[in-house]
Amino acid sequence: MDAETATVIRGRAKAALTRTKNFIDKDDQTFDKNDIRNKLEKLELTYTEFDKADAALPIESSEMKEFETKYYETKAKLQNILENLSVRTYVYNDNSDVFENVSNMKSSTFK
């Protein structure tokens, strides 16, 4: 890969990372588990693209350290969001089961 192509690919990867970070940091954002999973998958691909492009450039022009800092911060936030969404779903399902069991019990008691 020539230096010009590597620079363009690296720039696109940095832009993709910034878009993902902005998606997370948006104040009025609501999250969906599938969206977050997709963002995590895309983030992995973005890292791979950046790594390949950065490796094709001279070591003195490497931006890997800065990219990795932002990448791992963003990945951790996405994983935390996904974990919180999973916990909420689990609690909701547990409460639904309890409600259903109590409802069934009450309806059978009064018949």
PDB file of N, CA and C in Angstrom:
ATOM      1  N   MET A   1       0.860  -1.169   0.000  1.00  0.00           N
ATOM      2  CA  MET A   1       0.000   0.000   0.000  1.00  0.00           C
ATOM      3  C   MET A   1       0.907   1.233   0.000  1.00  0.00           C
ATOM      4  N   ASP A   2       0.623   2.157  -0.915  1.00  0.00           N
ATOM      5  CA  ASP A   2       1.451   3.365  -0.969  1.00  0.00           C
ATOM      6  C   ASP A   2       1.041   4.338   0.145  1.00  0.00           C
ATOM      7  N   ALA A   3       1.906   5.300   0.398  1.00  0.00           N
ATOM      8  CA  ALA A   3       1.714   6.230   1.513  1.00  0.00           C
ATOM      9  C   ALA A   3       0.445   7.064   1.364  1.00  0.00           C
ATOM     10  N   GLU A   4       0.149   7.476   0.140  1.00  0.00           N
ATOM     11  CA  GLU A   4      -1.047   8.306  -0.077  1.00  0.00           C
ATOM     12  C   GLU A   4      -2.325   7.523   0.245  1.00  0.00           C
ATOM     13  N   THR A   5      -2.387   6.290  -0.228  1.00  0.00           N
ATOM     14  CA  THR A   5      -3.549   5.434   0.046  1.00  0.00           C
ATOM     15  C   THR A   5      -3.663   5.152   1.543  1.00  0.00           C
ATOM     16  N   ALA A   6      -2.542   4.850   2.175  1.00  0.00           N
ATOM     17  CA  ALA A   6      -2.537   4.571   3.616  1.00  0.00           C
ATOM     18  C   ALA A   6      -3.026   5.777   4.410  1.00  0.00           C
ATOM     19  N   THR A   7      -2.616   6.962   4.003  1.00  0.00           N
ATOM     20  CA  THR A   7      -3.040   8.184   4.691  1.00  0.00           C
ATOM     21  C   THR A   7      -4.545   8.392   4.551  1.00  0.00           C
ATOM     22  N   VAL A   8      -5.077   8.139   3.371  1.00  0.00           N
ATOM     23  CA  VAL A   8      -6.525   8.285   3.141  1.00  0.00           C
ATOM     24  C   VAL A   8      -7.299   7.268   3.979  1.00  0.00           C
ATOM     25  N   ILE A   9      -6.864   6.021   3.969  1.00  0.00           N
ATOM     26  CA  ILE A   9      -7.550   4.972   4.734  1.00  0.00           C
ATOM     27  C   ILE A   9      -7.484   5.278   6.227  1.00  0.00           C
ATOM     28  N   ARG A  10      -6.334   5.715   6.685  1.00  0.00           N
ATOM     29  CA  ARG A  10      -6.181   6.062   8.101  1.00  0.00           C
ATOM     30  C   ARG A  10      -7.111   7.211   8.471  1.00  0.00           C
ATOM     31  N   GLY A  11      -7.224   8.195   7.599  1.00  0.00           N
ATOM     32  CA  GLY A  11      -8.124   9.327   7.839  1.00  0.00           C
ATOM     33  C   GLY A  11      -9.582   8.895   7.909  1.00  0.00           C
ATOM     34  N   ARG A  12      -9.967   7.980   7.036  1.00  0.00           N
ATOM     35  CA  ARG A  12     -11.349   7.460   7.055  1.00  0.00           C
ATOM     36  C   ARG A  12     -11.625   6.697   8.346  1.00  0.00           C
ATOM     37  N   ALA A  13     -10.650   5.927   8.798  1.00  0.00           N
ATOM     38  CA  ALA A  13     -10.812   5.169  10.044  1.00  0.00           C
ATOM     39  C   ALA A  13     -10.952   6.116  11.234  1.00  0.00           C
ATOM     40  N   LYS A  14     -10.156   7.175  11.242  1.00  0.00           N
ATOM     41  CA  LYS A  14     -10.265   8.165  12.318  1.00  0.00           C
ATOM     42  C   LYS A  14     -11.636   8.835  12.299  1.00  0.00           C
ATOM     43  N   ALA A  15     -12.141   9.135  11.116  1.00  0.00           N
ATOM     44  CA  ALA A  15     -13.464   9.759  10.989  1.00  0.00           C
ATOM     45  C   ALA A  15     -14.559   8.805  11.471  1.00  0.00           C
ATOM     46  N   ALA A  16     -14.437   7.529  11.147  1.00  0.00           N
ATOM     47  CA  ALA A  16     -15.423   6.534  11.594  1.00  0.00           C
ATOM     48  C   ALA A  16     -15.423   6.416  13.115  1.00  0.00           C
ATOM     49  N   LEU A  17     -14.246   6.445  13.711  1.00  0.00           N
ATOM     50  CA  LEU A  17     -14.143   6.396  15.172  1.00  0.00           C
ATOM     51  C   LEU A  17     -14.791   7.627  15.799  1.00  0.00           C
ATOM     52  N   THR A  18     -14.552   8.783  15.219  1.00  0.00           N
ATOM     53  CA  THR A  18     -15.152  10.022  15.723  1.00  0.00           C
ATOM     54  C   THR A  18     -16.675   9.975  15.619  1.00  0.00           C
ATOM     55  N   ARG A  19     -17.195   9.465  14.517  1.00  0.00           N
ATOM     56  CA  ARG A  19     -18.657   9.346  14.366  1.00  0.00           C
ATOM     57  C   ARG A  19     -19.249   8.436  15.439  1.00  0.00           C
ATOM     58  N   THR A  20     -18.577   7.336  15.726  1.00  0.00           N
ATOM     59  CA  THR A  20     -19.062   6.413  16.758  1.00  0.00           C
ATOM     60  C   THR A  20     -19.023   7.079  18.124  1.00  0.00           C
ATOM     61  N   LYS A  21     -17.951   7.786  18.408  1.00  0.00           N
ATOM     62  CA  LYS A  21     -17.834   8.497  19.690  1.00  0.00           C
ATOM     63  C   LYS A  21     -18.926   9.555  19.809  1.00  0.00           C
ATOM     64  N   ASN A  22     -19.185  10.289  18.753  1.00  0.00           N
ATOM     65  CA  ASN A  22     -20.238  11.312  18.766  1.00  0.00           C
ATOM     66  C   ASN A  22     -21.620  10.686  18.947  1.00  0.00           C
ATOM     67  N   PHE A  23     -21.838   9.521  18.367  1.00  0.00           N
ATOM     68  CA  PHE A  23     -23.091   8.784  18.525  1.00  0.00           C
ATOM     69  C   PHE A  23     -23.343   8.487  20.004  1.00  0.00           C
ATOM     70  N   ILE A  24     -22.317   8.057  20.708  1.00  0.00           N
ATOM     71  CA  ILE A  24     -22.434   7.723  22.131  1.00  0.00           C
ATOM     72  C   ILE A  24     -22.662   8.973  22.973  1.00  0.00           C
ATOM     73  N   ASP A  25     -21.942  10.039  22.657  1.00  0.00           N
ATOM     74  CA  ASP A  25     -21.947  11.245  23.483  1.00  0.00           C
ATOM     75  C   ASP A  25     -23.148  12.154  23.261  1.00  0.00           C
ATOM     76  N   LYS A  26     -23.973  11.849  22.275  1.00  0.00           N
ATOM     77  CA  LYS A  26     -25.144  12.667  21.980  1.00  0.00           C
ATOM     78  C   LYS A  26     -26.080  12.669  23.191  1.00  0.00           C
ATOM     79  N   ASP A  27     -26.525  13.852  23.622  1.00  0.00           N
ATOM     80  CA  ASP A  27     -27.322  13.982  24.843  1.00  0.00           C
ATOM     81  C   ASP A  27     -28.665  13.270  24.791  1.00  0.00           C
ATOM     82  N   ASP A  28     -29.392  13.408  23.716  1.00  0.00           N
ATOM     83  CA  ASP A  28     -30.743  12.857  23.640  1.00  0.00           C
ATOM     84  C   ASP A  28     -30.787  11.481  22.978  1.00  0.00           C
ATOM     85  N   GLN A  29     -29.680  10.768  23.020  1.00  0.00           N
ATOM     86  CA  GLN A  29     -29.551   9.490  22.326  1.00  0.00           C
ATOM     87  C   GLN A  29     -30.257   8.368  23.082  1.00  0.00           C
ATOM     88  N   THR A  30     -31.023   7.568  22.380  1.00  0.00           N
ATOM     89  CA  THR A  30     -31.553   6.322  22.932  1.00  0.00           C
ATOM     90  C   THR A  30     -30.820   5.183  22.240  1.00  0.00           C
ATOM     91  N   PHE A  31     -30.573   4.130  22.984  1.00  0.00           N
ATOM     92  CA  PHE A  31     -29.755   3.042  22.468  1.00  0.00           C
ATOM     93  C   PHE A  31     -30.577   1.772  22.298  1.00  0.00           C
ATOM     94  N   ASP A  32     -30.211   1.024  21.302  1.00  0.00           N
ATOM     95  CA  ASP A  32     -30.813  -0.265  21.007  1.00  0.00           C
ATOM     96  C   ASP A  32     -29.684  -1.292  21.022  1.00  0.00           C
ATOM     97  N   LYS A  33     -29.944  -2.468  21.599  1.00  0.00           N
ATOM     98  CA  LYS A  33     -28.888  -3.479  21.707  1.00  0.00           C
ATOM     99  C   LYS A  33     -28.294  -3.844  20.355  1.00  0.00           C
ATOM    100  N   ASN A  34     -29.125  -3.988  19.343  1.00  0.00           N
ATOM    101  CA  ASN A  34     -28.607  -4.350  18.018  1.00  0.00           C
ATOM    102  C   ASN A  34     -27.736  -3.247  17.438  1.00  0.00           C
ATOM    103  N   ASP A  35     -28.144  -1.989  17.633  1.00  0.00           N
ATOM    104  CA  ASP A  35     -27.319  -0.867  17.163  1.00  0.00           C
ATOM    105  C   ASP A  35     -25.952  -0.886  17.832  1.00  0.00           C
ATOM    106  N   ILE A  36     -25.939  -1.121  19.136  1.00  0.00           N
ATOM    107  CA  ILE A  36     -24.676  -1.125  19.874  1.00  0.00           C
ATOM    108  C   ILE A  36     -23.803  -2.297  19.430  1.00  0.00           C
ATOM    109  N   ARG A  37     -24.397  -3.452  19.249  1.00  0.00           N
ATOM    110  CA  ARG A  37     -23.618  -4.608  18.752  1.00  0.00           C
ATOM    111  C   ARG A  37     -23.012  -4.300  17.382  1.00  0.00           C
ATOM    112  N   ASN A  38     -23.811  -3.699  16.507  1.00  0.00           N
ATOM    113  CA  ASN A  38     -23.312  -3.333  15.177  1.00  0.00           C
ATOM    114  C   ASN A  38     -22.193  -2.309  15.265  1.00  0.00           C
ATOM    115  N   LYS A  39     -22.343  -1.335  16.157  1.00  0.00           N
ATOM    116  CA  LYS A  39     -21.289  -0.326  16.339  1.00  0.00           C
ATOM    117  C   LYS A  39     -20.001  -0.984  16.831  1.00  0.00           C
ATOM    118  N   LEU A  40     -20.116  -1.949  17.742  1.00  0.00           N
ATOM    119  CA  LEU A  40     -18.926  -2.649  18.235  1.00  0.00           C
ATOM    120  C   LEU A  40     -18.235  -3.429  17.117  1.00  0.00           C
ATOM    121  N   GLU A  41     -19.016  -4.106  16.282  1.00  0.00           N
ATOM    122  CA  GLU A  41     -18.436  -4.845  15.154  1.00  0.00           C
ATOM    123  C   GLU A  41     -17.730  -3.897  14.187  1.00  0.00           C
ATOM    124  N   LYS A  42     -18.386  -2.803  13.866  1.00  0.00           N
ATOM    125  CA  LYS A  42     -17.805  -1.811  12.951  1.00  0.00           C
ATOM    126  C   LYS A  42     -16.540  -1.209  13.559  1.00  0.00           C
ATOM    127  N   LEU A  43     -16.560  -1.000  14.874  1.00  0.00           N
ATOM    128  CA  LEU A  43     -15.399  -0.435  15.556  1.00  0.00           C
ATOM    129  C   LEU A  43     -14.190  -1.359  15.431  1.00  0.00           C
ATOM    130  N   GLU A  44     -14.418  -2.665  15.540  1.00  0.00           N
ATOM    131  CA  GLU A  44     -13.327  -3.638  15.373  1.00  0.00           C
ATOM    132  C   GLU A  44     -12.732  -3.554  13.966  1.00  0.00           C
ATOM    133  N   LEU A  45     -13.602  -3.470  12.972  1.00  0.00           N
ATOM    134  CA  LEU A  45     -13.134  -3.346  11.585  1.00  0.00           C
ATOM    135  C   LEU A  45     -12.364  -2.041  11.379  1.00  0.00           C
ATOM    136  N   THR A  46     -12.849  -0.987  11.997  1.00  0.00           N
ATOM    137  CA  THR A  46     -12.192   0.318  11.897  1.00  0.00           C
ATOM    138  C   THR A  46     -10.786   0.248  12.473  1.00  0.00           C
ATOM    139  N   TYR A  47     -10.649  -0.430  13.609  1.00  0.00           N
ATOM    140  CA  TYR A  47      -9.332  -0.579  14.232  1.00  0.00           C
ATOM    141  C   TYR A  47      -8.385  -1.335  13.300  1.00  0.00           C
ATOM    142  N   THR A  48      -8.874  -2.409  12.714  1.00  0.00           N
ATOM    143  CA  THR A  48      -8.053  -3.217  11.805  1.00  0.00           C
ATOM    144  C   THR A  48      -7.598  -2.395  10.601  1.00  0.00           C
ATOM    145  N   GLU A  49      -8.526  -1.637  10.016  1.00  0.00           N
ATOM    146  CA  GLU A  49      -8.181  -0.784   8.871  1.00  0.00           C
ATOM    147  C   GLU A  49      -7.128   0.250   9.257  1.00  0.00           C
ATOM    148  N   PHE A  50      -7.337   0.893  10.402  1.00  0.00           N
ATOM    149  CA  PHE A  50      -6.392   1.908  10.850  1.00  0.00           C
ATOM    150  C   PHE A  50      -5.016   1.286  11.076  1.00  0.00           C
ATOM    151  N   ASP A  51      -4.980   0.144  11.740  1.00  0.00           N
ATOM    152  CA  ASP A  51      -3.720  -0.522  12.054  1.00  0.00           C
ATOM    153  C   ASP A  51      -2.934  -0.856  10.785  1.00  0.00           C
ATOM    154  N   LYS A  52      -3.617  -1.405   9.783  1.00  0.00           N
ATOM    155  CA  LYS A  52      -2.950  -1.742   8.516  1.00  0.00           C
ATOM    156  C   LYS A  52      -2.419  -0.492   7.817  1.00  0.00           C
ATOM    157  N   ALA A  53      -3.245   0.549   7.783  1.00  0.00           N
ATOM    158  CA  ALA A  53      -2.834   1.782   7.106  1.00  0.00           C
ATOM    159  C   ALA A  53      -1.689   2.455   7.850  1.00  0.00           C
ATOM    160  N   ASP A  54      -1.782   2.496   9.170  1.00  0.00           N
ATOM    161  CA  ASP A  54      -0.741   3.145   9.966  1.00  0.00           C
ATOM    162  C   ASP A  54       0.587   2.395   9.844  1.00  0.00           C
ATOM    163  N   ALA A  55       0.511   1.072   9.764  1.00  0.00           N
ATOM    164  CA  ALA A  55       1.726   0.260   9.634  1.00  0.00           C
ATOM    165  C   ALA A  55       2.419   0.480   8.291  1.00  0.00           C
ATOM    166  N   ALA A  56       1.673   0.905   7.285  1.00  0.00           N
ATOM    167  CA  ALA A  56       2.249   1.141   5.956  1.00  0.00           C
ATOM    168  C   ALA A  56       2.967   2.483   5.867  1.00  0.00           C
ATOM    169  N   LEU A  57       2.811   3.301   6.892  1.00  0.00           N
ATOM    170  CA  LEU A  57       3.439   4.628   6.902  1.00  0.00           C
ATOM    171  C   LEU A  57       4.692   4.614   7.768  1.00  0.00           C
ATOM    172  N   PRO A  58       5.576   5.582   7.575  1.00  0.00           N
ATOM    173  CA  PRO A  58       6.789   5.643   8.399  1.00  0.00           C
ATOM    174  C   PRO A  58       6.441   5.738   9.889  1.00  0.00           C
ATOM    175  N   ILE A  59       7.246   5.094  10.708  1.00  0.00           N
ATOM    176  CA  ILE A  59       6.999   5.022  12.150  1.00  0.00           C
ATOM    177  C   ILE A  59       6.873   6.405  12.796  1.00  0.00           C
ATOM    178  N   GLU A  60       7.628   7.360  12.294  1.00  0.00           N
ATOM    179  CA  GLU A  60       7.593   8.708  12.883  1.00  0.00           C
ATOM    180  C   GLU A  60       6.273   9.437  12.617  1.00  0.00           C
ATOM    181  N   SER A  61       5.507   8.955  11.660  1.00  0.00           N
ATOM    182  CA  SER A  61       4.211   9.586  11.387  1.00  0.00           C
ATOM    183  C   SER A  61       3.046   8.763  11.958  1.00  0.00           C
ATOM    184  N   SER A  62       3.379   7.781  12.782  1.00  0.00           N
ATOM    185  CA  SER A  62       2.348   6.927  13.369  1.00  0.00           C
ATOM    186  C   SER A  62       1.422   7.728  14.288  1.00  0.00           C
ATOM    187  N   GLU A  63       0.150   7.409  14.204  1.00  0.00           N
ATOM    188  CA  GLU A  63      -0.860   8.022  15.070  1.00  0.00           C
ATOM    189  C   GLU A  63      -1.561   6.950  15.898  1.00  0.00           C
ATOM    190  N   MET A  64      -0.919   5.789  16.022  1.00  0.00           N
ATOM    191  CA  MET A  64      -1.543   4.649  16.690  1.00  0.00           C
ATOM    192  C   MET A  64      -1.848   4.928  18.158  1.00  0.00           C
ATOM    193  N   LYS A  65      -0.952   5.566  18.866  1.00  0.00           N
ATOM    194  CA  LYS A  65      -1.162   5.799  20.302  1.00  0.00           C
ATOM    195  C   LYS A  65      -2.429   6.624  20.541  1.00  0.00           C
ATOM    196  N   GLU A  66      -2.579   7.711  19.798  1.00  0.00           N
ATOM    197  CA  GLU A  66      -3.753   8.575  19.950  1.00  0.00           C
ATOM    198  C   GLU A  66      -5.023   7.836  19.541  1.00  0.00           C
ATOM    199  N   PHE A  67      -4.928   7.089  18.447  1.00  0.00           N
ATOM    200  CA  PHE A  67      -6.087   6.342  17.961  1.00  0.00           C
ATOM    201  C   PHE A  67      -6.511   5.289  18.981  1.00  0.00           C
ATOM    202  N   GLU A  68      -5.540   4.544  19.507  1.00  0.00           N
ATOM    203  CA  GLU A  68      -5.859   3.496  20.475  1.00  0.00           C
ATOM    204  C   GLU A  68      -6.514   4.056  21.731  1.00  0.00           C
ATOM    205  N   THR A  69      -6.049   5.193  22.198  1.00  0.00           N
ATOM    206  CA  THR A  69      -6.652   5.811  23.383  1.00  0.00           C
ATOM    207  C   THR A  69      -8.132   6.080  23.148  1.00  0.00           C
ATOM    208  N   LYS A  70      -8.440   6.711  22.035  1.00  0.00           N
ATOM    209  CA  LYS A  70      -9.830   7.035  21.693  1.00  0.00           C
ATOM    210  C   LYS A  70     -10.629   5.760  21.401  1.00  0.00           C
ATOM    211  N   TYR A  71      -9.998   4.804  20.740  1.00  0.00           N
ATOM    212  CA  TYR A  71     -10.653   3.541  20.393  1.00  0.00           C
ATOM    213  C   TYR A  71     -11.075   2.774  21.647  1.00  0.00           C
ATOM    214  N   TYR A  72     -10.146   2.575  22.584  1.00  0.00           N
ATOM    215  CA  TYR A  72     -10.460   1.788  23.779  1.00  0.00           C
ATOM    216  C   TYR A  72     -11.473   2.497  24.674  1.00  0.00           C
ATOM    217  N   GLU A  73     -11.404   3.806  24.726  1.00  0.00           N
ATOM    218  CA  GLU A  73     -12.395   4.576  25.487  1.00  0.00           C
ATOM    219  C   GLU A  73     -13.790   4.385  24.876  1.00  0.00           C
ATOM    220  N   THR A  74     -13.876   4.485  23.577  1.00  0.00           N
ATOM    221  CA  THR A  74     -15.150   4.335  22.871  1.00  0.00           C
ATOM    222  C   THR A  74     -15.671   2.910  22.988  1.00  0.00           C
ATOM    223  N   LYS A  75     -14.794   1.934  22.832  1.00  0.00           N
ATOM    224  CA  LYS A  75     -15.198   0.529  22.942  1.00  0.00           C
ATOM    225  C   LYS A  75     -15.733   0.228  24.340  1.00  0.00           C
ATOM    226  N   ALA A  76     -15.069   0.726  25.369  1.00  0.00           N
ATOM    227  CA  ALA A  76     -15.522   0.501  26.746  1.00  0.00           C
ATOM    228  C   ALA A  76     -16.901   1.109  26.976  1.00  0.00           C
ATOM    229  N   LYS A  77     -17.125   2.303  26.441  1.00  0.00           N
ATOM    230  CA  LYS A  77     -18.437   2.940  26.587  1.00  0.00           C
ATOM    231  C   LYS A  77     -19.524   2.116  25.900  1.00  0.00           C
ATOM    232  N   LEU A  78     -19.244   1.639  24.699  1.00  0.00           N
ATOM    233  CA  LEU A  78     -20.217   0.807  23.982  1.00  0.00           C
ATOM    234  C   LEU A  78     -20.513  -0.481  24.750  1.00  0.00           C
ATOM    235  N   GLN A  79     -19.477  -1.103  25.294  1.00  0.00           N
ATOM    236  CA  GLN A  79     -19.674  -2.332  26.058  1.00  0.00           C
ATOM    237  C   GLN A  79     -20.491  -2.070  27.321  1.00  0.00           C
ATOM    238  N   ASN A  80     -20.244  -0.941  27.982  1.00  0.00           N
ATOM    239  CA  ASN A  80     -21.022  -0.584  29.172  1.00  0.00           C
ATOM    240  C   ASN A  80     -22.484  -0.344  28.821  1.00  0.00           C
ATOM    241  N   ILE A  81     -22.725   0.337  27.721  1.00  0.00           N
ATOM    242  CA  ILE A  81     -24.104   0.584  27.280  1.00  0.00           C
ATOM    243  C   ILE A  81     -24.794  -0.747  27.000  1.00  0.00           C
ATOM    244  N   LEU A  82     -24.119  -1.634  26.288  1.00  0.00           N
ATOM    245  CA  LEU A  82     -24.698  -2.936  25.961  1.00  0.00           C
ATOM    246  C   LEU A  82     -25.000  -3.729  27.233  1.00  0.00           C
ATOM    247  N   GLU A  83     -24.078  -3.703  28.172  1.00  0.00           N
ATOM    248  CA  GLU A  83     -24.281  -4.404  29.447  1.00  0.00           C
ATOM    249  C   GLU A  83     -25.483  -3.827  30.195  1.00  0.00           C
ATOM    250  N   ASN A  84     -25.594  -2.504  30.242  1.00  0.00           N
ATOM    251  CA  ASN A  84     -26.728  -1.865  30.917  1.00  0.00           C
ATOM    252  C   ASN A  84     -28.046  -2.193  30.230  1.00  0.00           C
ATOM    253  N   LEU A  85     -28.046  -2.236  28.915  1.00  0.00           N
ATOM    254  CA  LEU A  85     -29.263  -2.605  28.185  1.00  0.00           C
ATOM    255  C   LEU A  85     -29.647  -4.054  28.478  1.00  0.00           C
ATOM    256  N   SER A  86     -28.671  -4.924  28.594  1.00  0.00           N
ATOM    257  CA  SER A  86     -28.937  -6.329  28.893  1.00  0.00           C
ATOM    258  C   SER A  86     -29.489  -6.487  30.302  1.00  0.00           C
ATOM    259  N   VAL A  87     -28.951  -5.735  31.252  1.00  0.00           N
ATOM    260  CA  VAL A  87     -29.435  -5.786  32.633  1.00  0.00           C
ATOM    261  C   VAL A  87     -30.870  -5.298  32.693  1.00  0.00           C
ATOM    262  N   ARG A  88     -31.171  -4.204  32.020  1.00  0.00           N
ATOM    263  CA  ARG A  88     -32.539  -3.680  32.007  1.00  0.00           C
ATOM    264  C   ARG A  88     -33.510  -4.690  31.413  1.00  0.00           C
ATOM    265  N   THR A  89     -33.113  -5.336  30.346  1.00  0.00           N
ATOM    266  CA  THR A  89     -33.969  -6.341  29.719  1.00  0.00           C
ATOM    267  C   THR A  89     -34.194  -7.506  30.673  1.00  0.00           C
ATOM    268  N   TYR A  90     -33.148  -7.933  31.359  1.00  0.00           N
ATOM    269  CA  TYR A  90     -33.245  -9.043  32.307  1.00  0.00           C
ATOM    270  C   TYR A  90     -34.185  -8.675  33.454  1.00  0.00           C
ATOM    271  N   VAL A  91     -34.024  -7.495  34.019  1.00  0.00           N
ATOM    272  CA  VAL A  91     -34.884  -7.043  35.114  1.00  0.00           C
ATOM    273  C   VAL A  91     -36.318  -6.939  34.630  1.00  0.00           C
ATOM    274  N   TYR A  92     -36.520  -6.375  33.459  1.00  0.00           N
ATOM    275  CA  TYR A  92     -37.868  -6.251  32.902  1.00  0.00           C
ATOM    276  C   TYR A  92     -38.499  -7.628  32.740  1.00  0.00           C
ATOM    277  N   ASN A  93     -37.745  -8.568  32.195  1.00  0.00           N
ATOM    278  CA  ASN A  93     -38.269  -9.922  32.006  1.00  0.00           C
ATOM    279  C   ASN A  93     -38.584 -10.583  33.339  1.00  0.00           C
ATOM    280  N   ASP A  94     -37.710 -10.415  34.331  1.00  0.00           N
ATOM    281  CA  ASP A  94     -37.964 -10.976  35.655  1.00  0.00           C
ATOM    282  C   ASP A  94     -39.228 -10.388  36.258  1.00  0.00           C
ATOM    283  N   ASN A  95     -39.385  -9.084  36.168  1.00  0.00           N
ATOM    284  CA  ASN A  95     -40.574  -8.435  36.711  1.00  0.00           C
ATOM    285  C   ASN A  95     -41.824  -8.866  35.960  1.00  0.00           C
ATOM    286  N   SER A  96     -41.722  -9.058  34.674  1.00  0.00           N
ATOM    287  CA  SER A  96     -42.863  -9.514  33.883  1.00  0.00           C
ATOM    288  C   SER A  96     -43.293 -10.904  34.323  1.00  0.00           C
ATOM    289  N   ASP A  97     -42.315 -11.776  34.585  1.00  0.00           N
ATOM    290  CA  ASP A  97     -42.633 -13.125  35.047  1.00  0.00           C
ATOM    291  C   ASP A  97     -43.326 -13.084  36.399  1.00  0.00           C
ATOM    292  N   VAL A  98     -42.826 -12.255  37.303  1.00  0.00           N
ATOM    293  CA  VAL A  98     -43.435 -12.118  38.626  1.00  0.00           C
ATOM    294  C   VAL A  98     -44.851 -11.600  38.485  1.00  0.00           C
ATOM    295  N   PHE A  99     -45.028 -10.570  37.677  1.00  0.00           N
ATOM    296  CA  PHE A  99     -46.356 -10.000  37.471  1.00  0.00           C
ATOM    297  C   PHE A  99     -47.301 -11.047  36.893  1.00  0.00           C
ATOM    298  N   GLU A 100     -46.812 -11.806  35.933  1.00  0.00           N
ATOM    299  CA  GLU A 100     -47.641 -12.831  35.301  1.00  0.00           C
ATOM    300  C   GLU A 100     -48.020 -13.908  36.315  1.00  0.00           C
ATOM    301  N   ASN A 101     -47.070 -14.346  37.135  1.00  0.00           N
ATOM    302  CA  ASN A 101     -47.348 -15.371  38.138  1.00  0.00           C
ATOM    303  C   ASN A 101     -48.350 -14.877  39.175  1.00  0.00           C
ATOM    304  N   VAL A 102     -48.198 -13.642  39.639  1.00  0.00           N
ATOM    305  CA  VAL A 102     -49.120 -13.065  40.607  1.00  0.00           C
ATOM    306  C   VAL A 102     -50.495 -12.915  39.973  1.00  0.00           C
ATOM    307  N   SER A 103     -50.553 -12.462  38.743  1.00  0.00           N
ATOM    308  CA  SER A 103     -51.830 -12.305  38.050  1.00  0.00           C
ATOM    309  C   SER A 103     -52.530 -13.645  37.908  1.00  0.00           C
ATOM    310  N   ASN A 104     -51.782 -14.661  37.534  1.00  0.00           N
ATOM    311  CA  ASN A 104     -52.377 -15.989  37.385  1.00  0.00           C
ATOM    312  C   ASN A 104     -52.876 -16.516  38.724  1.00  0.00           C
ATOM    313  N   MET A 105     -52.106 -16.281  39.758  1.00  0.00           N
ATOM    314  CA  MET A 105     -52.491 -16.738  41.077  1.00  0.00           C
ATOM    315  C   MET A 105     -53.769 -16.033  41.531  1.00  0.00           C
ATOM    316  N   LYS A 106     -53.846 -14.751  41.357  1.00  0.00           N
ATOM    317  CA  LYS A 106     -55.016 -13.994  41.780  1.00  0.00           C
ATOM    318  C   LYS A 106     -56.249 -14.415  40.999  1.00  0.00           C
ATOM    319  N   SER A 107     -56.105 -14.572  39.714  1.00  0.00           N
ATOM    320  CA  SER A 107     -57.273 -14.917  38.912  1.00  0.00           C
ATOM    321  C   SER A 107     -57.779 -16.316  39.261  1.00  0.00           C
ATOM    322  N   SER A 108     -56.905 -17.247  39.568  1.00  0.00           N
ATOM    323  CA  SER A 108     -57.351 -18.595  39.935  1.00  0.00           C
ATOM    324  C   SER A 108     -57.948 -18.614  41.345  1.00  0.00           C
ATOM    325  N   THR A 109     -57.505 -17.751  42.220  1.00  0.00           N
ATOM    326  CA  THR A 109     -58.011 -17.684  43.586  1.00  0.00           C
ATOM    327  C   THR A 109     -59.442 -17.182  43.619  1.00  0.00           C
ATOM    328  N   PHE A 110     -59.782 -16.277  42.733  1.00  0.00           N
ATOM    329  CA  PHE A 110     -61.104 -15.662  42.746  1.00  0.00           C
ATOM    330  C   PHE A 110     -62.141 -16.430  41.954  1.00  0.00           C
ATOM    331  N   LYS A 111     -61.791 -17.474  41.288  1.00  0.00           N
ATOM    332  CA  LYS A 111     -62.756 -18.224  40.461  1.00  0.00           C
ATOM    333  C   LYS A 111     -63.469 -19.265  41.266  1.00  0.00           C
TER     334      LYS A 111
END
